[in-house]
Every structure is written in structure tokens, then in C-alpha cells.
Protein backbone atom coordinates (compact mmCIF):
# COMPACT_ATOMS: atom_id res chain seq x y z
CA UNK A 1 -6.58 27.84 7.92
CA UNK A 2 -6.72 24.52 9.78
CA UNK A 3 -6.98 21.30 7.75
CA UNK A 4 -7.53 17.77 9.05
CA UNK A 5 -6.89 14.58 7.07
CA UNK A 6 -7.94 11.11 8.21
CA UNK A 7 -6.63 7.69 7.14
CA UNK A 8 -6.92 4.94 9.72
CA UNK A 9 -6.75 1.73 7.69
CA UNK A 10 -3.73 -0.05 6.21
CA UNK A 11 -0.08 0.86 5.99
CA UNK A 12 0.11 0.47 2.22
CA UNK A 13 -2.91 2.70 1.63
CA UNK A 14 -1.42 5.41 3.82
CA UNK A 15 1.82 5.20 1.80
CA UNK A 16 -0.29 5.72 -1.32
CA UNK A 17 -1.86 8.75 0.39
CA UNK A 18 1.46 10.59 0.81
CA UNK A 19 1.21 12.41 -2.56
CA UNK A 20 -2.24 13.69 -1.55
CA UNK A 21 -0.86 14.82 1.82
CA UNK A 22 2.01 16.63 0.07
CA UNK A 23 -0.45 18.15 -2.40
CA UNK A 24 -2.47 19.65 0.45
CA UNK A 25 0.75 20.92 2.04
CA UNK A 26 2.02 22.76 -1.06
CA UNK A 27 -1.46 24.00 -1.98
CA UNK A 28 -1.97 25.55 1.47
CA UNK A 29 1.57 26.34 2.68
CA UNK A 30 0.41 28.55 5.54
CA UNK A 31 -2.20 26.14 6.90
CA UNK A 32 -1.96 24.06 10.04
CA UNK A 33 -2.17 20.53 8.62
CA UNK A 34 -2.99 17.58 10.89
CA UNK A 35 -3.58 13.92 10.08
CA UNK A 36 -5.41 11.27 12.07
CA UNK A 37 -4.08 7.72 11.78
CA UNK A 38 -4.60 4.48 13.65
CA UNK A 39 -2.07 3.08 16.09
CA UNK A 40 -1.22 0.50 13.43
CA UNK A 41 -0.44 2.75 10.46
CA UNK A 42 0.88 5.85 12.27
CA UNK A 43 4.48 4.72 11.61
CA UNK A 44 4.10 5.83 7.98
CA UNK A 45 3.65 9.46 9.04
CA UNK A 46 5.91 9.66 12.10
CA UNK A 47 8.78 11.27 10.16
CA UNK A 48 6.76 13.10 7.52
CA UNK A 49 7.06 16.85 8.00
CA UNK A 50 4.38 17.59 5.40
CA UNK A 51 2.06 17.50 8.40
CA UNK A 52 2.29 19.76 11.42
CA UNK A 53 0.51 17.36 13.75
CA UNK A 54 0.06 13.59 13.90
CA UNK A 55 -3.03 12.50 15.85
CA UNK A 56 -3.36 8.82 16.66
CA UNK A 57 -6.89 7.52 17.23
CA UNK A 58 -6.77 4.89 19.99
CA UNK A 59 -7.92 1.38 19.23
CA UNK A 60 -11.58 1.00 20.15
CA UNK A 61 -12.38 4.72 19.98
CA UNK A 62 -15.74 5.69 18.53
CA UNK A 63 -14.85 7.57 15.32
CA UNK A 64 -17.60 10.20 15.41
CA UNK A 65 -17.03 10.96 19.09
CA UNK A 66 -13.28 11.13 18.52
CA UNK A 67 -13.81 13.50 15.59
CA UNK A 68 -16.04 15.71 17.75
CA UNK A 69 -13.02 16.37 19.97
CA UNK A 70 -11.10 17.75 16.98
CA UNK A 71 -12.62 21.21 16.81
CA UNK A 72 -11.70 24.37 14.97
CA UNK A 73 -10.88 22.87 11.58
CA UNK A 74 -11.93 24.63 8.40
CA UNK A 75 -11.53 21.58 6.15
CA UNK A 76 -11.58 17.86 6.96
CA UNK A 77 -10.87 15.12 4.40
CA UNK A 78 -11.43 11.38 4.78
CA UNK A 79 -8.67 9.80 2.69
CA UNK A 80 -10.17 6.29 3.08
CA UNK A 81 -13.59 5.23 1.74
CA UNK A 82 -14.49 3.69 5.08
CA UNK A 83 -17.20 4.41 7.62
CA UNK A 84 -14.53 4.98 10.31
CA UNK A 85 -12.89 7.85 8.45
CA UNK A 86 -16.13 9.34 7.13
CA UNK A 87 -17.65 9.34 10.61
CA UNK A 88 -14.52 10.86 12.13
CA UNK A 89 -14.49 13.66 9.58
CA UNK A 90 -18.22 14.19 10.08
CA UNK A 91 -17.69 14.49 13.82
CA UNK A 92 -15.39 17.48 13.36
CA UNK A 93 -18.27 19.57 11.92
CA UNK A 94 -15.70 21.41 9.78
CA UNK A 95 -17.47 23.73 7.30
CA UNK A 96 -15.98 21.75 4.38
CA UNK A 97 -15.90 17.97 4.78
CA UNK A 98 -14.74 15.79 1.89
CA UNK A 99 -14.79 12.02 1.37
CA UNK A 100 -15.35 9.27 -1.16
CA UNK A 101 -17.06 5.95 -1.60
CA UNK A 102 -17.57 3.35 -4.32
CA UNK A 103 -19.97 3.41 -7.22
CA UNK A 104 -22.35 0.60 -6.28
CA UNK A 105 -22.13 0.74 -2.50
CA UNK A 106 -25.58 2.27 -2.32
CA UNK A 107 -25.92 2.32 1.45
CA UNK A 108 -22.44 3.81 1.84
CA UNK A 109 -23.26 6.45 -0.78
CA UNK A 110 -26.39 7.41 1.12
CA UNK A 111 -24.72 7.46 4.53
CA UNK A 112 -21.68 9.40 3.27
CA UNK A 113 -23.96 12.42 2.91
CA UNK A 114 -24.56 12.31 6.65
CA UNK A 115 -20.89 13.00 7.32
CA UNK A 116 -19.40 14.92 4.39
CA UNK A 117 -20.71 17.66 2.14
CA UNK A 118 -18.51 16.95 -0.89
CA UNK A 119 -18.42 13.34 -2.12
CA UNK A 120 -16.32 11.74 -4.84
CA UNK A 121 -17.62 8.48 -6.35
CA UNK A 122 -14.91 5.96 -7.23
CA UNK A 123 -15.30 3.72 -10.25
CA UNK A 124 -13.41 0.92 -8.47
CA UNK A 125 -16.15 -1.69 -8.44
CA UNK A 126 -15.09 -5.36 -8.64
CA UNK A 127 -18.30 -6.59 -10.24
CA UNK A 128 -18.28 -3.97 -12.99
CA UNK A 129 -14.58 -4.60 -13.73
CA UNK A 130 -15.18 -8.33 -14.08
CA UNK A 131 -18.05 -7.76 -16.54
CA UNK A 132 -16.39 -5.06 -18.65
CA UNK A 133 -12.76 -5.72 -19.67
CA UNK A 134 -12.55 -2.18 -21.08
CA UNK A 135 -13.36 -0.54 -17.76
CA UNK A 136 -10.50 1.71 -16.59
CA UNK A 137 -9.92 2.29 -12.88
CA UNK A 138 -7.71 5.13 -11.70
CA UNK A 139 -4.78 4.20 -9.50
CA UNK A 140 -5.51 4.93 -5.85
CA UNK A 141 -2.85 7.68 -5.89
CA UNK A 142 -4.72 9.46 -8.68
CA UNK A 143 -8.08 8.99 -6.99
CA UNK A 144 -6.73 10.58 -3.81
CA UNK A 145 -5.27 13.52 -5.72
CA UNK A 146 -8.68 14.04 -7.32
CA UNK A 147 -10.25 13.79 -3.86
CA UNK A 148 -8.13 16.51 -2.24
CA UNK A 149 -8.78 18.69 -5.30
CA UNK A 150 -12.40 18.81 -4.06
CA UNK A 151 -10.99 20.51 -0.98
CA UNK A 152 -9.14 23.05 -3.13
CA UNK A 153 -5.70 21.38 -3.26
CA UNK A 154 -4.67 21.93 -6.88
CA UNK A 155 -0.83 21.96 -6.87
CA UNK A 156 -0.31 18.26 -7.35
CA UNK A 157 2.64 16.32 -5.97
CA UNK A 158 2.98 12.89 -7.56
CA UNK A 159 5.79 11.17 -5.63
CA UNK A 160 5.31 8.72 -2.78
CA UNK A 161 7.18 9.56 0.39
CA UNK A 162 8.90 7.45 3.04
CA UNK A 163 11.68 8.85 5.18
CA UNK A 164 14.33 6.11 5.36
CA UNK A 165 17.55 7.17 7.10
CA UNK A 166 21.13 5.95 7.00
CA UNK A 167 20.54 4.51 10.43
CA UNK A 168 17.74 2.38 9.01
CA UNK A 169 20.02 1.20 6.22
CA UNK A 170 22.65 -0.29 8.54
CA UNK A 171 20.86 -3.64 8.58
CA UNK A 172 20.55 -3.64 4.79
CA UNK A 173 24.31 -3.16 4.36
CA UNK A 174 24.81 -6.60 5.89
CA UNK A 175 22.86 -8.22 3.05
CA UNK A 176 24.20 -9.44 -0.31
CA UNK A 177 24.57 -6.90 -3.10
CA UNK A 178 21.50 -6.56 -5.34
CA UNK A 179 19.46 -9.40 -3.88
CA UNK A 180 15.97 -10.41 -4.85
CA UNK A 181 13.84 -9.49 -1.81
CA UNK A 182 10.73 -11.60 -1.35
CA UNK A 183 8.20 -10.52 1.25
CA UNK A 184 6.22 -13.32 2.85
CA UNK A 185 2.57 -12.43 3.33
CA UNK A 186 -0.35 -14.76 4.05
CA UNK A 187 -1.58 -14.68 0.46
CA UNK A 188 1.40 -16.77 -0.62
CA UNK A 189 -0.26 -19.69 1.18
CA UNK A 190 -3.95 -19.36 0.23
CA UNK A 191 -6.31 -19.23 -2.77
CA UNK A 192 -4.24 -20.76 -5.55
CA UNK A 193 -0.84 -20.55 -3.86
CA UNK A 194 0.75 -22.89 -1.32
CA UNK A 195 3.76 -23.15 0.97
CA UNK A 196 5.39 -25.77 -1.26
CA UNK A 197 4.63 -23.69 -4.32
CA UNK A 198 6.25 -20.64 -2.74
CA UNK A 199 9.33 -22.69 -1.83
CA UNK A 200 9.54 -23.67 -5.50
CA UNK A 201 9.35 -19.99 -6.46
CA UNK A 202 12.25 -19.26 -4.12
CA UNK A 203 14.23 -22.09 -5.75
CA UNK A 204 13.69 -20.50 -9.15
CA UNK A 205 14.62 -17.03 -7.93
CA UNK A 206 17.79 -18.30 -6.25
CA UNK A 207 19.09 -19.30 -9.69
CA UNK A 208 18.98 -15.61 -10.66
CA UNK A 209 20.42 -13.85 -7.57
CA UNK A 210 20.70 -14.23 -3.79
CA UNK A 211 17.25 -14.30 -2.18
CA UNK A 212 16.52 -12.31 0.97
CA UNK A 213 13.16 -12.90 2.64
CA UNK A 214 11.29 -10.54 4.92
CA UNK A 215 8.55 -12.11 6.96
CA UNK A 216 5.27 -10.63 8.11
CA UNK A 217 4.44 -11.51 11.71
CA UNK A 218 1.53 -13.75 10.75
CA UNK A 219 3.80 -15.76 8.45
CA UNK A 220 6.48 -16.54 11.02
CA UNK A 221 5.26 -20.14 11.49
CA UNK A 222 6.27 -20.75 7.85
CA UNK A 223 9.73 -19.19 8.25
CA UNK A 224 11.59 -22.40 9.25
CA UNK A 225 10.63 -24.04 5.95
CA UNK A 226 12.40 -21.27 4.06
CA UNK A 227 15.38 -21.14 6.42
CA UNK A 228 15.83 -24.88 6.01
CA UNK A 229 15.57 -24.85 2.22
CA UNK A 230 19.19 -23.92 1.65
CA UNK A 231 18.12 -21.43 -1.03
CA UNK A 232 17.68 -18.32 1.12
CA UNK A 233 20.61 -15.98 1.79
CA UNK A 234 18.88 -14.29 4.75
CA UNK A 235 15.47 -14.41 6.35
CA UNK A 236 14.55 -11.38 8.47
CA UNK A 237 11.69 -11.33 10.98
CA UNK A 238 10.26 -8.67 13.23
CA UNK A 239 11.93 -5.71 11.55
CA UNK A 240 10.90 -2.19 12.58
CA UNK A 241 8.99 -0.53 9.76
CA UNK A 242 11.69 1.76 8.43
CA UNK A 243 14.37 -0.95 8.62
CA UNK A 244 12.04 -3.20 6.64
CA UNK A 245 11.69 -0.43 4.04
CA UNK A 246 15.49 -0.18 3.91
CA UNK A 247 15.74 -3.92 3.21
CA UNK A 248 13.25 -3.59 0.33
CA UNK A 249 15.29 -0.63 -0.92
CA UNK A 250 18.36 -2.87 -1.01
CA UNK A 251 16.69 -5.28 -3.43
CA UNK A 252 17.36 -5.32 -7.12
CA UNK A 253 13.77 -6.54 -7.46
CA UNK A 254 11.07 -6.96 -4.82
CA UNK A 255 8.64 -9.88 -5.08
CA UNK A 256 5.40 -9.84 -3.10
CA UNK A 257 1.75 -10.74 -3.05
CA UNK A 258 -0.81 -7.94 -2.96
CA UNK A 259 0.05 -6.35 0.38
CA UNK A 260 1.63 -3.21 1.81
CA UNK A 261 5.06 -4.36 0.63
CA UNK A 262 3.96 -3.44 -2.91
CA UNK A 263 3.59 0.22 -1.97
CA UNK A 264 6.57 0.43 0.38
CA UNK A 265 8.72 -0.97 -2.45
CA UNK A 266 7.32 1.72 -4.78
CA UNK A 267 8.09 4.41 -2.20
CA UNK A 268 11.75 3.31 -2.07
CA UNK A 269 11.83 3.11 -5.89
CA UNK A 270 12.37 -0.61 -6.39
CA UNK A 271 11.17 -2.63 -9.40
CA UNK A 272 8.50 -5.03 -8.22
CA UNK A 273 6.75 -8.25 -9.20
CA UNK A 274 3.32 -8.54 -7.60
CA UNK A 275 1.12 -11.62 -7.48
CA UNK A 276 -2.51 -10.45 -7.34
CA UNK A 277 -5.43 -12.66 -6.37
CA UNK A 278 -7.17 -14.46 -9.22
CA UNK A 279 -10.53 -13.00 -8.21
CA UNK A 280 -10.94 -9.31 -9.00
CA UNK A 281 -7.56 -9.23 -10.75
CA UNK A 282 -8.65 -6.55 -13.22
CA UNK A 283 -9.68 -4.16 -10.48
CA UNK A 284 -6.87 -4.76 -8.01
CA UNK A 285 -4.11 -4.72 -10.61
CA UNK A 286 -5.24 -1.28 -11.77
CA UNK A 287 -6.05 0.40 -8.46
CA UNK A 288 -3.16 -1.03 -6.40
CA UNK A 289 -0.39 -1.80 -8.87
CA UNK A 290 3.17 -0.65 -8.08
CA UNK A 291 3.25 3.10 -8.52
CA UNK A 292 5.90 4.90 -10.54
CA UNK A 293 8.36 1.98 -10.77
CA UNK A 294 9.00 -0.78 -13.34
CA UNK A 295 6.82 -3.75 -12.50
CA UNK A 296 5.36 -7.04 -13.63
CA UNK A 297 1.89 -8.16 -12.54
CA UNK A 298 1.07 -11.85 -12.18
CA UNK A 299 -2.35 -13.37 -11.63
CA UNK A 300 -2.49 -16.13 -9.04
CA UNK A 301 -3.99 -19.41 -10.25
CA UNK A 302 -7.64 -20.17 -9.67
CA UNK A 303 -6.62 -23.60 -8.30
CA UNK A 304 -3.52 -24.94 -6.58
CA UNK A 305 -2.98 -27.98 -8.82
CA UNK A 306 0.55 -28.92 -9.87
CA UNK A 307 0.34 -27.51 -13.41
CA UNK A 308 -1.13 -24.20 -12.25
CA UNK A 309 1.48 -23.81 -9.53
CA UNK A 310 4.26 -24.52 -12.04
CA UNK A 311 2.95 -21.86 -14.41
CA UNK A 312 2.62 -19.43 -11.52
CA UNK A 313 6.23 -20.10 -10.47
CA UNK A 314 7.49 -19.62 -14.02
CA UNK A 315 5.59 -16.33 -14.39
CA UNK A 316 7.11 -14.97 -11.16
CA UNK A 317 10.65 -16.02 -12.10
CA UNK A 318 10.32 -14.74 -15.65
CA UNK A 319 8.97 -11.43 -14.37
CA UNK A 320 11.94 -10.99 -12.06
CA UNK A 321 14.38 -11.91 -14.83
CA UNK A 322 12.72 -9.35 -17.11
CA UNK A 323 13.07 -6.57 -14.54
CA UNK A 324 16.68 -7.50 -13.80
CA UNK A 325 17.61 -6.86 -17.45
CA UNK A 326 16.29 -3.29 -17.33
CA UNK A 327 18.58 -0.40 -16.44
CA UNK A 328 18.24 0.56 -12.77
CA UNK A 329 16.90 4.01 -13.70
CA UNK A 330 14.33 2.69 -16.21
């Protein structure tokens, strides 16, 4: 049997897909298992031997035409509810093609049938979650396990996987013991959160433990403000992916906005505080919460006024303090 998986979107979502990949592997141990990624997120799978072949789709490639080059597969599964992955899987013309889309994306639901012949409908709809506080949304990990079950993969594996080596951990050994690791992403500086507010959060965290900051490339212009604050033990920029994961692994607690750092921290088993956007909080905090680790979820303010920013800071600091009091294996 030859099986093809496709996930070409974000790094964090591909990390959340690793249990589904492992589930396919153990369910079909004799199969040739390949995965298509983008150039951007391929780093997640480079060391993962659950797959026999890593296929990187070049930037700018036409998904359906690229999929048409991938012949001879018996099963193809789009692990992302995106036109790119659905079209790629459809292009393979595998006898069994599986994908999913969202409940009220009517056009996407119609077009999905053009590419796949088994479709899962996700309940993750922001409008419905906002209107119904009782609405339950499965975590993305669970949704993906249910998705690959449509392809016959029944022996579920639940753990996230990232292959961090001792070589990756060399940089982390230079850091303070048990630091708080805060990852700077753009959402710290928009929509109810500001640079000054984030500096105040760092001040509060520094009273609990040494603060180490990792910096996404698009946040590097803000880095000097943190370096000059006097409250940061180390600020690290431009880390290779697995070294960055090793730094998160070093943390006693990881603090982040809703970004891939949430899921990388879960994969290296670190307690995490996540600040989710105010809008669609109910949906995002269910579908993309830290997976399998102790965590505290904080809702960003609707406005960036002084009182709201102070409450936001206190919620982050209190969440970290709460997680620091828990046993490390809790």
C-alpha cells in the first residue's frame, strides 16, 4: 500500500498533525508513507521517521498539477482544511482521497467533493461558537485523528512528536536554570496588546524567575526594547527550528500568544500560558489550546487602555505563578 499525506500550511498545525501521522504509520506498518509539506513547514518532519518520504512542494507550485505528479498512491489524505491541500490530494487521483472542511463554509464544502471522496465536517465555526457558549469544539489533534480514521487508521497514537537532539540542547544549557521562556510573536503588539504592555508583562515575570525571550523574525525590530529593559536574562534571535524547540524545552513555563510556539512547547512537554485573541476566544482556545500539558489560557483585552492592559499583565503573571507551583510531572 502507498499512502500520501499533505499538510502545507503552518508549523504549529503540522506539529499538531504528528499524532495523526504516527497513527497512520502504526495502523499500516507495511505501507510506504509519504508526506507533502511546504518549504516553510518541512522542518517539522525532517527528522520524523514515521514517514518514509518527505516531499516538499515548491513555493508557487500549482497544487493540483503538483499532486498529479504524485502517482501510484492508494490513499491520499489532506491534513489541512485548505484548498491547497485538497487540490493536491485531488490531483493524485488516488482511489481513496480524504479531507475536511468547516461546517458553514458552504462553497468549500461543495468544492471539497471535487477533490476528495470522503469528507469530514469540522464543527470549528467561529460564528457558532460566539453565539452558543455550550458549543464544544474538538481539539485539532482529535479532529485529525478522526480524519485519518476515515482512511482506515484506527490504532491511535496521541502524543505529539518533535525530534530534539542533545546537539540542539547545547544552546539551552547556556541559559539560566528553569527560566520563564517568553516567545515574541506579532500578536503581542496588536489588537488589545502593545509593546509597552508586553514590557510590563516581562517586568512582572522577572519577579518570579529569570526571563529568556525568543524572537520571531518579524518581531526583531522590537527586540532592542526588551534587551534594554534590564529585566531579560537572554534574548535569542534567528534560532534554527530545533534549537528554538530546545530553548522552549528548557523553560519552567513557556509564555506565548496564539502561535506555533504554543504547539512546539506542548511537543517538548512544557507548561504553557497562552494569550488568545479576544475575538473568537471560545473557538481558538478549544481547538488550539496547549495539548497534553498543564496550561493557563488568557483572553487578550478588547481594547488597549491602561486598565485593560494592567489586568492582562496580572492574568499572565498569575497564570505563570500558578503553573510554577505545580509539580513538574503534573
